[in-house]
All heavy atoms as atom14 arrays in JSON, in Angstrom:
{
  "sequence": "FDLDIETYQNLMLLSHKLANSLEKAVPCLRVGMSVIGLEVPHAHVHL",
  "atom14_mask": [
    [1, 1, 1, 1, 1, 1, 1, 1, 1, 1, 1, 0, 0, 0],
    [1, 1, 1, 1, 1, 1, 1, 1, 0, 0, 0, 0, 0, 0],
    [1, 1, 1, 1, 1, 1, 1, 1, 0, 0, 0, 0, 0, 0],
    [1, 1, 1, 1, 1, 1, 1, 1, 0, 0, 0, 0, 0, 0],
    [1, 1, 1, 1, 1, 1, 1, 1, 0, 0, 0, 0, 0, 0],
    [1, 1, 1, 1, 1, 1, 1, 1, 1, 0, 0, 0, 0, 0],
    [1, 1, 1, 1, 1, 1, 1, 0, 0, 0, 0, 0, 0, 0],
    [1, 1, 1, 1, 1, 1, 1, 1, 1, 1, 1, 1, 0, 0],
    [1, 1, 1, 1, 1, 1, 1, 1, 1, 0, 0, 0, 0, 0],
    [1, 1, 1, 1, 1, 1, 1, 1, 0, 0, 0, 0, 0, 0],
    [1, 1, 1, 1, 1, 1, 1, 1, 0, 0, 0, 0, 0, 0],
    [1, 1, 1, 1, 1, 1, 1, 1, 0, 0, 0, 0, 0, 0],
    [1, 1, 1, 1, 1, 1, 1, 1, 0, 0, 0, 0, 0, 0],
    [1, 1, 1, 1, 1, 1, 1, 1, 0, 0, 0, 0, 0, 0],
    [1, 1, 1, 1, 1, 1, 0, 0, 0, 0, 0, 0, 0, 0],
    [1, 1, 1, 1, 1, 1, 1, 1, 1, 1, 0, 0, 0, 0],
    [1, 1, 1, 1, 1, 1, 1, 1, 1, 0, 0, 0, 0, 0],
    [1, 1, 1, 1, 1, 1, 1, 1, 0, 0, 0, 0, 0, 0],
    [1, 1, 1, 1, 1, 0, 0, 0, 0, 0, 0, 0, 0, 0],
    [1, 1, 1, 1, 1, 1, 1, 1, 0, 0, 0, 0, 0, 0],
    [1, 1, 1, 1, 1, 1, 0, 0, 0, 0, 0, 0, 0, 0],
    [1, 1, 1, 1, 1, 1, 1, 1, 0, 0, 0, 0, 0, 0],
    [1, 1, 1, 1, 1, 1, 1, 1, 1, 0, 0, 0, 0, 0],
    [1, 1, 1, 1, 1, 1, 1, 1, 1, 0, 0, 0, 0, 0],
    [1, 1, 1, 1, 1, 0, 0, 0, 0, 0, 0, 0, 0, 0],
    [1, 1, 1, 1, 1, 1, 1, 0, 0, 0, 0, 0, 0, 0],
    [1, 1, 1, 1, 1, 1, 1, 0, 0, 0, 0, 0, 0, 0],
    [1, 1, 1, 1, 1, 1, 0, 0, 0, 0, 0, 0, 0, 0],
    [1, 1, 1, 1, 1, 1, 1, 1, 0, 0, 0, 0, 0, 0],
    [1, 1, 1, 1, 1, 1, 1, 1, 1, 1, 1, 0, 0, 0],
    [1, 1, 1, 1, 1, 1, 1, 0, 0, 0, 0, 0, 0, 0],
    [1, 1, 1, 1, 0, 0, 0, 0, 0, 0, 0, 0, 0, 0],
    [1, 1, 1, 1, 1, 1, 1, 1, 0, 0, 0, 0, 0, 0],
    [1, 1, 1, 1, 1, 1, 0, 0, 0, 0, 0, 0, 0, 0],
    [1, 1, 1, 1, 1, 1, 1, 0, 0, 0, 0, 0, 0, 0],
    [1, 1, 1, 1, 1, 1, 1, 1, 0, 0, 0, 0, 0, 0],
    [1, 1, 1, 1, 0, 0, 0, 0, 0, 0, 0, 0, 0, 0],
    [1, 1, 1, 1, 1, 1, 1, 1, 0, 0, 0, 0, 0, 0],
    [1, 1, 1, 1, 1, 1, 1, 1, 1, 0, 0, 0, 0, 0],
    [1, 1, 1, 1, 1, 1, 1, 0, 0, 0, 0, 0, 0, 0],
    [1, 1, 1, 1, 1, 1, 1, 0, 0, 0, 0, 0, 0, 0],
    [1, 1, 1, 1, 1, 1, 1, 1, 1, 1, 0, 0, 0, 0],
    [1, 1, 1, 1, 1, 0, 0, 0, 0, 0, 0, 0, 0, 0],
    [1, 1, 1, 1, 1, 1, 1, 1, 1, 1, 0, 0, 0, 0],
    [1, 1, 1, 1, 1, 1, 1, 0, 0, 0, 0, 0, 0, 0],
    [1, 1, 1, 1, 1, 1, 1, 1, 1, 1, 0, 0, 0, 0],
    [1, 1, 1, 1, 1, 1, 1, 1, 0, 0, 0, 0, 0, 0]
  ],
  "atom14_positions": [
    [[35.05, 6.43, 2.98], [35.9, 6.81, 4.12], [37.11, 7.64, 3.71], [37.92, 8.02, 4.56], [36.29, 5.57, 4.92], [35.08, 4.89, 5.52], [34.76, 3.59, 5.16], [34.24, 5.56, 6.39], [33.63, 2.97, 5.69], [33.12, 4.96, 6.93], [32.81, 3.65, 6.57], [0.0, 0.0, 0.0], [0.0, 0.0, 0.0], [0.0, 0.0, 0.0]],
    [[37.21, 7.97, 2.42], [38.21, 8.93, 1.97], [37.64, 10.35, 1.91], [38.37, 11.3, 1.64], [38.77, 8.54, 0.59], [39.71, 7.35, 0.66], [40.2, 7.02, 1.76], [39.96, 6.75, -0.41], [0.0, 0.0, 0.0], [0.0, 0.0, 0.0], [0.0, 0.0, 0.0], [0.0, 0.0, 0.0], [0.0, 0.0, 0.0], [0.0, 0.0, 0.0]],
    [[36.33, 10.49, 2.16], [35.74, 11.82, 2.21], [36.32, 12.59, 3.39], [36.63, 12.0, 4.43], [34.22, 11.74, 2.38], [33.41, 11.23, 1.2], [31.96, 10.98, 1.64], [33.45, 12.22, 0.04], [0.0, 0.0, 0.0], [0.0, 0.0, 0.0], [0.0, 0.0, 0.0], [0.0, 0.0, 0.0], [0.0, 0.0, 0.0], [0.0, 0.0, 0.0]],
    [[36.43, 13.91, 3.25], [36.83, 14.7, 4.41], [35.7, 14.61, 5.44], [34.55, 14.3, 5.1], [37.11, 16.16, 4.0], [35.88, 16.85, 3.44], [35.06, 17.35, 4.23], [35.73, 16.86, 2.19], [0.0, 0.0, 0.0], [0.0, 0.0, 0.0], [0.0, 0.0, 0.0], [0.0, 0.0, 0.0], [0.0, 0.0, 0.0], [0.0, 0.0, 0.0]],
    [[36.03, 14.83, 6.69], [35.08, 14.63, 7.79], [33.81, 15.45, 7.62], [32.7, 14.95, 7.83], [35.74, 14.95, 9.15], [36.84, 13.93, 9.45], [34.73, 14.97, 10.29], [36.38, 12.5, 9.56], [0.0, 0.0, 0.0], [0.0, 0.0, 0.0], [0.0, 0.0, 0.0], [0.0, 0.0, 0.0], [0.0, 0.0, 0.0], [0.0, 0.0, 0.0]],
    [[33.94, 16.69, 7.21], [32.75, 17.54, 7.06], [31.81, 16.99, 5.99], [30.59, 16.92, 6.21], [33.17, 18.98, 6.72], [31.97, 19.9, 6.59], [32.35, 21.33, 6.26], [33.55, 21.63, 6.06], [31.43, 22.16, 6.19], [0.0, 0.0, 0.0], [0.0, 0.0, 0.0], [0.0, 0.0, 0.0], [0.0, 0.0, 0.0], [0.0, 0.0, 0.0]],
    [[32.34, 16.6, 4.84], [31.51, 16.05, 3.77], [30.87, 14.75, 4.23], [29.68, 14.51, 3.99], [32.33, 15.84, 2.49], [32.9, 17.1, 2.1], [31.47, 15.31, 1.36], [0.0, 0.0, 0.0], [0.0, 0.0, 0.0], [0.0, 0.0, 0.0], [0.0, 0.0, 0.0], [0.0, 0.0, 0.0], [0.0, 0.0, 0.0], [0.0, 0.0, 0.0]],
    [[31.66, 13.9, 4.88], [31.13, 12.63, 5.39], [29.97, 12.87, 6.36], [28.91, 12.26, 6.25], [32.25, 11.83, 6.07], [31.76, 10.56, 6.73], [31.56, 9.41, 5.98], [31.46, 10.53, 8.08], [31.09, 8.25, 6.59], [30.99, 9.38, 8.69], [30.81, 8.25, 7.93], [30.33, 7.11, 8.53], [0.0, 0.0, 0.0], [0.0, 0.0, 0.0]],
    [[30.17, 13.76, 7.32], [29.13, 14.03, 8.31], [27.88, 14.6, 7.64], [26.75, 14.22, 7.98], [29.65, 15.0, 9.38], [30.66, 14.35, 10.29], [31.3, 15.32, 11.26], [31.42, 16.51, 10.99], [31.72, 14.8, 12.41], [0.0, 0.0, 0.0], [0.0, 0.0, 0.0], [0.0, 0.0, 0.0], [0.0, 0.0, 0.0], [0.0, 0.0, 0.0]],
    [[28.05, 15.5, 6.69], [26.9, 16.08, 6.0], [26.19, 15.05, 5.12], [24.97, 15.09, 4.99], [27.32, 17.31, 5.19], [27.64, 18.48, 6.09], [27.07, 18.62, 7.17], [28.55, 19.33, 5.66], [0.0, 0.0, 0.0], [0.0, 0.0, 0.0], [0.0, 0.0, 0.0], [0.0, 0.0, 0.0], [0.0, 0.0, 0.0], [0.0, 0.0, 0.0]],
    [[26.93, 14.12, 4.55], [26.33, 13.04, 3.78], [25.47, 12.16, 4.7], [24.35, 11.78, 4.34], [27.41, 12.2, 3.09], [26.93, 10.97, 2.31], [26.06, 11.38, 1.13], [28.13, 10.16, 1.83], [0.0, 0.0, 0.0], [0.0, 0.0, 0.0], [0.0, 0.0, 0.0], [0.0, 0.0, 0.0], [0.0, 0.0, 0.0], [0.0, 0.0, 0.0]],
    [[25.96, 11.87, 5.89], [25.2, 11.06, 6.84], [23.97, 11.82, 7.34], [22.88, 11.24, 7.48], [26.08, 10.64, 8.01], [27.14, 9.62, 7.65], [26.48, 8.08, 6.97], [27.11, 8.17, 5.29], [0.0, 0.0, 0.0], [0.0, 0.0, 0.0], [0.0, 0.0, 0.0], [0.0, 0.0, 0.0], [0.0, 0.0, 0.0], [0.0, 0.0, 0.0]],
    [[24.11, 13.12, 7.59], [22.95, 13.92, 8.02], [21.88, 13.96, 6.93], [20.69, 13.82, 7.22], [23.39, 15.34, 8.38], [24.17, 15.49, 9.68], [24.75, 16.9, 9.8], [23.3, 15.15, 10.87], [0.0, 0.0, 0.0], [0.0, 0.0, 0.0], [0.0, 0.0, 0.0], [0.0, 0.0, 0.0], [0.0, 0.0, 0.0], [0.0, 0.0, 0.0]],
    [[22.3, 14.13, 5.69], [21.35, 14.13, 4.58], [20.72, 12.75, 4.43], [19.5, 12.65, 4.21], [22.04, 14.55, 3.28], [21.17, 14.52, 2.03], [19.93, 15.43, 2.18], [21.98, 14.93, 0.81], [0.0, 0.0, 0.0], [0.0, 0.0, 0.0], [0.0, 0.0, 0.0], [0.0, 0.0, 0.0], [0.0, 0.0, 0.0], [0.0, 0.0, 0.0]],
    [[21.49, 11.71, 4.56], [20.95, 10.34, 4.45], [19.9, 10.11, 5.53], [18.86, 9.5, 5.28], [22.08, 9.31, 4.57], [22.97, 9.43, 3.49], [0.0, 0.0, 0.0], [0.0, 0.0, 0.0], [0.0, 0.0, 0.0], [0.0, 0.0, 0.0], [0.0, 0.0, 0.0], [0.0, 0.0, 0.0], [0.0, 0.0, 0.0], [0.0, 0.0, 0.0]],
    [[20.15, 10.61, 6.73], [19.19, 10.51, 7.83], [17.88, 11.21, 7.46], [16.79, 10.64, 7.61], [19.82, 11.14, 9.08], [18.94, 11.14, 10.28], [18.04, 12.15, 10.54], [18.82, 10.25, 11.29], [17.41, 11.88, 11.67], [17.87, 10.74, 12.14], [0.0, 0.0, 0.0], [0.0, 0.0, 0.0], [0.0, 0.0, 0.0], [0.0, 0.0, 0.0]],
    [[17.99, 12.41, 6.97], [16.81, 13.19, 6.58], [16.03, 12.48, 5.47], [14.81, 12.34, 5.55], [17.26, 14.58, 6.1], [16.16, 15.45, 5.54], [16.72, 16.77, 5.04], [15.64, 17.62, 4.42], [16.15, 18.94, 4.03], [0.0, 0.0, 0.0], [0.0, 0.0, 0.0], [0.0, 0.0, 0.0], [0.0, 0.0, 0.0], [0.0, 0.0, 0.0]],
    [[16.74, 12.01, 4.47], [16.08, 11.36, 3.34], [15.49, 10.01, 3.73], [14.42, 9.63, 3.24], [17.05, 11.2, 2.17], [17.53, 12.53, 1.56], [18.56, 12.27, 0.47], [16.36, 13.34, 1.02], [0.0, 0.0, 0.0], [0.0, 0.0, 0.0], [0.0, 0.0, 0.0], [0.0, 0.0, 0.0], [0.0, 0.0, 0.0], [0.0, 0.0, 0.0]],
    [[16.14, 9.27, 4.62], [15.61, 7.99, 5.08], [14.28, 8.2, 5.8], [13.33, 7.43, 5.6], [16.61, 7.29, 5.99], [0.0, 0.0, 0.0], [0.0, 0.0, 0.0], [0.0, 0.0, 0.0], [0.0, 0.0, 0.0], [0.0, 0.0, 0.0], [0.0, 0.0, 0.0], [0.0, 0.0, 0.0], [0.0, 0.0, 0.0], [0.0, 0.0, 0.0]],
    [[14.19, 9.25, 6.61], [12.92, 9.54, 7.29], [11.82, 9.89, 6.29], [10.68, 9.45, 6.45], [13.11, 10.66, 8.31], [13.84, 10.19, 9.55], [13.63, 9.07, 10.01], [14.7, 11.03, 10.09], [0.0, 0.0, 0.0], [0.0, 0.0, 0.0], [0.0, 0.0, 0.0], [0.0, 0.0, 0.0], [0.0, 0.0, 0.0], [0.0, 0.0, 0.0]],
    [[12.15, 10.64, 5.27], [11.17, 10.98, 4.23], [10.78, 9.74, 3.43], [9.61, 9.53, 3.12], [11.76, 12.03, 3.28], [12.06, 13.2, 3.99], [0.0, 0.0, 0.0], [0.0, 0.0, 0.0], [0.0, 0.0, 0.0], [0.0, 0.0, 0.0], [0.0, 0.0, 0.0], [0.0, 0.0, 0.0], [0.0, 0.0, 0.0], [0.0, 0.0, 0.0]],
    [[11.76, 8.93, 3.12], [11.53, 7.69, 2.35], [10.6, 6.75, 3.11], [9.68, 6.17, 2.54], [12.87, 7.03, 2.05], [12.9, 5.8, 1.18], [12.23, 6.02, -0.16], [14.36, 5.37, 0.96], [0.0, 0.0, 0.0], [0.0, 0.0, 0.0], [0.0, 0.0, 0.0], [0.0, 0.0, 0.0], [0.0, 0.0, 0.0], [0.0, 0.0, 0.0]],
    [[10.81, 6.63, 4.41], [9.97, 5.74, 5.22], [8.52, 6.2, 5.26], [7.59, 5.39, 5.33], [10.53, 5.65, 6.64], [9.9, 4.57, 7.47], [10.62, 4.33, 8.78], [11.62, 5.02, 9.08], [10.18, 3.43, 9.51], [0.0, 0.0, 0.0], [0.0, 0.0, 0.0], [0.0, 0.0, 0.0], [0.0, 0.0, 0.0], [0.0, 0.0, 0.0]],
    [[8.3, 7.5, 5.18], [6.94, 8.04, 5.13], [6.31, 7.85, 3.75], [5.1, 7.66, 3.63], [6.95, 9.53, 5.49], [7.31, 9.8, 6.92], [7.46, 11.29, 7.17], [7.99, 11.54, 8.57], [8.42, 12.93, 8.75], [0.0, 0.0, 0.0], [0.0, 0.0, 0.0], [0.0, 0.0, 0.0], [0.0, 0.0, 0.0], [0.0, 0.0, 0.0]],
    [[7.12, 7.9, 2.72], [6.62, 7.87, 1.34], [6.37, 6.46, 0.82], [5.48, 6.25, -0.02], [7.6, 8.58, 0.41], [0.0, 0.0, 0.0], [0.0, 0.0, 0.0], [0.0, 0.0, 0.0], [0.0, 0.0, 0.0], [0.0, 0.0, 0.0], [0.0, 0.0, 0.0], [0.0, 0.0, 0.0], [0.0, 0.0, 0.0], [0.0, 0.0, 0.0]],
    [[7.16, 5.5, 1.28], [7.08, 4.13, 0.78], [6.77, 3.21, 1.95], [7.57, 3.14, 2.89], [8.41, 3.7, 0.11], [8.34, 2.26, -0.36], [8.75, 4.63, -1.05], [0.0, 0.0, 0.0], [0.0, 0.0, 0.0], [0.0, 0.0, 0.0], [0.0, 0.0, 0.0], [0.0, 0.0, 0.0], [0.0, 0.0, 0.0], [0.0, 0.0, 0.0]],
    [[5.64, 2.51, 1.91], [5.31, 1.61, 3.03], [6.42, 0.58, 3.25], [6.81, -0.13, 2.33], [4.02, 0.93, 2.56], [3.43, 1.86, 1.55], [4.61, 2.52, 0.88], [0.0, 0.0, 0.0], [0.0, 0.0, 0.0], [0.0, 0.0, 0.0], [0.0, 0.0, 0.0], [0.0, 0.0, 0.0], [0.0, 0.0, 0.0], [0.0, 0.0, 0.0]],
    [[6.96, 0.56, 4.47], [8.02, -0.38, 4.81], [8.15, -0.44, 6.33], [7.63, 0.42, 7.02], [9.35, 0.03, 4.17], [9.97, 1.64, 4.68], [0.0, 0.0, 0.0], [0.0, 0.0, 0.0], [0.0, 0.0, 0.0], [0.0, 0.0, 0.0], [0.0, 0.0, 0.0], [0.0, 0.0, 0.0], [0.0, 0.0, 0.0], [0.0, 0.0, 0.0]],
    [[8.87, -1.44, 6.81], [9.1, -1.55, 8.25], [10.17, -0.58, 8.72], [10.12, -0.09, 9.84], [9.5, -2.98, 8.62], [8.44, -4.05, 8.36], [8.99, -5.44, 8.66], [7.19, -3.77, 9.2], [0.0, 0.0, 0.0], [0.0, 0.0, 0.0], [0.0, 0.0, 0.0], [0.0, 0.0, 0.0], [0.0, 0.0, 0.0], [0.0, 0.0, 0.0]],
    [[11.16, -0.35, 7.86], [12.23, 0.6, 8.14], [13.02, 0.82, 6.87], [12.83, 0.13, 5.88], [13.13, 0.12, 9.27], [13.95, -1.11, 8.92], [14.78, -1.62, 10.08], [13.87, -2.03, 11.14], [14.1, -1.86, 12.45], [15.22, -1.32, 12.85], [13.24, -2.26, 13.35], [0.0, 0.0, 0.0], [0.0, 0.0, 0.0], [0.0, 0.0, 0.0]],
    [[13.94, 1.77, 6.92], [14.84, 2.01, 5.79], [16.23, 1.55, 6.2], [16.74, 1.94, 7.25], [14.86, 3.51, 5.39], [15.92, 3.77, 4.33], [13.48, 3.93, 4.88], [0.0, 0.0, 0.0], [0.0, 0.0, 0.0], [0.0, 0.0, 0.0], [0.0, 0.0, 0.0], [0.0, 0.0, 0.0], [0.0, 0.0, 0.0], [0.0, 0.0, 0.0]],
    [[16.8, 0.68, 5.37], [18.15, 0.21, 5.61], [19.14, 1.06, 4.84], [18.8, 1.7, 3.85], [0.0, 0.0, 0.0], [0.0, 0.0, 0.0], [0.0, 0.0, 0.0], [0.0, 0.0, 0.0], [0.0, 0.0, 0.0], [0.0, 0.0, 0.0], [0.0, 0.0, 0.0], [0.0, 0.0, 0.0], [0.0, 0.0, 0.0], [0.0, 0.0, 0.0]],
    [[20.38, 1.06, 5.32], [21.44, 1.8, 4.65], [22.59, 0.85, 4.38], [22.96, 0.05, 5.23], [21.92, 2.96, 5.52], [23.0, 3.79, 4.84], [23.43, 5.28, 5.77], [24.58, 4.6, 6.93], [0.0, 0.0, 0.0], [0.0, 0.0, 0.0], [0.0, 0.0, 0.0], [0.0, 0.0, 0.0], [0.0, 0.0, 0.0], [0.0, 0.0, 0.0]],
    [[23.14, 0.95, 3.18], [24.28, 0.12, 2.82], [25.31, 0.95, 2.09], [24.97, 1.84, 1.31], [23.82, -1.04, 1.91], [24.91, -1.83, 1.54], [0.0, 0.0, 0.0], [0.0, 0.0, 0.0], [0.0, 0.0, 0.0], [0.0, 0.0, 0.0], [0.0, 0.0, 0.0], [0.0, 0.0, 0.0], [0.0, 0.0, 0.0], [0.0, 0.0, 0.0]],
    [[26.55, 0.66, 2.37], [27.67, 1.27, 1.66], [28.53, 0.12, 1.17], [29.09, -0.61, 1.97], [28.51, 2.2, 2.58], [29.72, 2.73, 1.83], [27.65, 3.32, 3.12], [0.0, 0.0, 0.0], [0.0, 0.0, 0.0], [0.0, 0.0, 0.0], [0.0, 0.0, 0.0], [0.0, 0.0, 0.0], [0.0, 0.0, 0.0], [0.0, 0.0, 0.0]],
    [[28.56, -0.04, -0.13], [29.38, -1.11, -0.71], [30.49, -0.46, -1.52], [31.66, -0.67, -1.26], [28.54, -2.07, -1.57], [27.47, -2.73, -0.7], [29.43, -3.1, -2.24], [26.46, -3.54, -1.43], [0.0, 0.0, 0.0], [0.0, 0.0, 0.0], [0.0, 0.0, 0.0], [0.0, 0.0, 0.0], [0.0, 0.0, 0.0], [0.0, 0.0, 0.0]],
    [[30.11, 0.33, -2.52], [31.09, 1.11, -3.25], [31.86, 0.39, -4.33], [32.76, 0.97, -4.93], [0.0, 0.0, 0.0], [0.0, 0.0, 0.0], [0.0, 0.0, 0.0], [0.0, 0.0, 0.0], [0.0, 0.0, 0.0], [0.0, 0.0, 0.0], [0.0, 0.0, 0.0], [0.0, 0.0, 0.0], [0.0, 0.0, 0.0], [0.0, 0.0, 0.0]],
    [[31.54, -0.87, -4.59], [32.28, -1.59, -5.63], [31.67, -1.4, -7.02], [32.36, -1.54, -8.02], [32.32, -3.1, -5.3], [33.05, -3.46, -4.02], [32.89, -4.95, -3.73], [34.51, -3.08, -4.1], [0.0, 0.0, 0.0], [0.0, 0.0, 0.0], [0.0, 0.0, 0.0], [0.0, 0.0, 0.0], [0.0, 0.0, 0.0], [0.0, 0.0, 0.0]],
    [[30.39, -1.06, -7.07], [29.7, -0.97, -8.35], [30.0, 0.32, -9.12], [29.99, 0.32, -10.34], [28.19, -1.19, -8.18], [27.47, -0.18, -7.3], [27.57, -0.41, -5.8], [28.56, -0.94, -5.28], [26.62, 0.0, -5.11], [0.0, 0.0, 0.0], [0.0, 0.0, 0.0], [0.0, 0.0, 0.0], [0.0, 0.0, 0.0], [0.0, 0.0, 0.0]],
    [[30.26, 1.41, -8.42], [30.61, 2.69, -9.05], [31.72, 3.32, -8.21], [31.57, 3.44, -7.0], [29.41, 3.66, -9.13], [29.81, 4.99, -9.75], [28.26, 3.04, -9.92], [0.0, 0.0, 0.0], [0.0, 0.0, 0.0], [0.0, 0.0, 0.0], [0.0, 0.0, 0.0], [0.0, 0.0, 0.0], [0.0, 0.0, 0.0], [0.0, 0.0, 0.0]],
    [[32.83, 3.72, -8.84], [33.94, 4.29, -8.08], [33.7, 5.76, -7.69], [34.39, 6.67, -8.11], [35.13, 4.14, -9.03], [34.52, 4.24, -10.39], [33.18, 3.58, -10.26], [0.0, 0.0, 0.0], [0.0, 0.0, 0.0], [0.0, 0.0, 0.0], [0.0, 0.0, 0.0], [0.0, 0.0, 0.0], [0.0, 0.0, 0.0], [0.0, 0.0, 0.0]],
    [[32.65, 5.97, -6.9], [32.27, 7.3, -6.41], [31.53, 7.05, -5.1], [30.59, 6.26, -5.06], [31.34, 7.97, -7.44], [31.03, 9.41, -7.13], [31.36, 10.42, -7.99], [30.4, 9.98, -6.09], [30.95, 11.57, -7.49], [30.36, 11.32, -6.33], [0.0, 0.0, 0.0], [0.0, 0.0, 0.0], [0.0, 0.0, 0.0], [0.0, 0.0, 0.0]],
    [[31.95, 7.68, -4.03], [31.33, 7.47, -2.72], [29.82, 7.62, -2.81], [29.32, 8.56, -3.43], [31.91, 8.47, -1.72], [0.0, 0.0, 0.0], [0.0, 0.0, 0.0], [0.0, 0.0, 0.0], [0.0, 0.0, 0.0], [0.0, 0.0, 0.0], [0.0, 0.0, 0.0], [0.0, 0.0, 0.0], [0.0, 0.0, 0.0], [0.0, 0.0, 0.0]],
    [[29.09, 6.67, -2.23], [27.64, 6.74, -2.23], [27.04, 5.85, -1.15], [27.66, 4.92, -0.68], [27.05, 6.4, -3.6], [27.35, 5.02, -4.09], [28.6, 4.65, -4.57], [26.58, 3.92, -4.19], [28.57, 3.39, -4.95], [27.35, 2.91, -4.72], [0.0, 0.0, 0.0], [0.0, 0.0, 0.0], [0.0, 0.0, 0.0], [0.0, 0.0, 0.0]],
    [[25.81, 6.2, -0.79], [25.04, 5.48, 0.21], [23.76, 4.98, -0.45], [23.13, 5.72, -1.2], [24.69, 6.42, 1.39], [23.72, 5.78, 2.35], [25.95, 6.89, 2.1], [0.0, 0.0, 0.0], [0.0, 0.0, 0.0], [0.0, 0.0, 0.0], [0.0, 0.0, 0.0], [0.0, 0.0, 0.0], [0.0, 0.0, 0.0], [0.0, 0.0, 0.0]],
    [[23.42, 3.73, -0.18], [22.13, 3.16, -0.63], [21.15, 3.28, 0.53], [21.44, 2.85, 1.65], [22.27, 1.67, -0.95], [23.12, 1.36, -2.12], [22.6, 1.16, -3.38], [24.46, 1.19, -2.24], [23.58, 0.87, -4.22], [24.72, 0.89, -3.55], [0.0, 0.0, 0.0], [0.0, 0.0, 0.0], [0.0, 0.0, 0.0], [0.0, 0.0, 0.0]],
    [[19.98, 3.84, 0.28], [18.87, 3.84, 1.23], [17.79, 2.95, 0.63], [17.3, 3.22, -0.47], [18.33, 5.25, 1.44], [19.31, 6.28, 2.02], [18.65, 7.65, 2.1], [19.8, 5.83, 3.39], [0.0, 0.0, 0.0], [0.0, 0.0, 0.0], [0.0, 0.0, 0.0], [0.0, 0.0, 0.0], [0.0, 0.0, 0.0], [0.0, 0.0, 0.0]]
  ]
}
């Protein structure tokens, strides 16, 4: 949440795109997203 708005929005758009690809590639009910950020001090999203 310290990312500038444009970078944040583009990160979410990319995460959306990749989650859809991931759901097609790996059999699953859905793709979950998590943001914890304690393990590495660099903004990131888990899909």
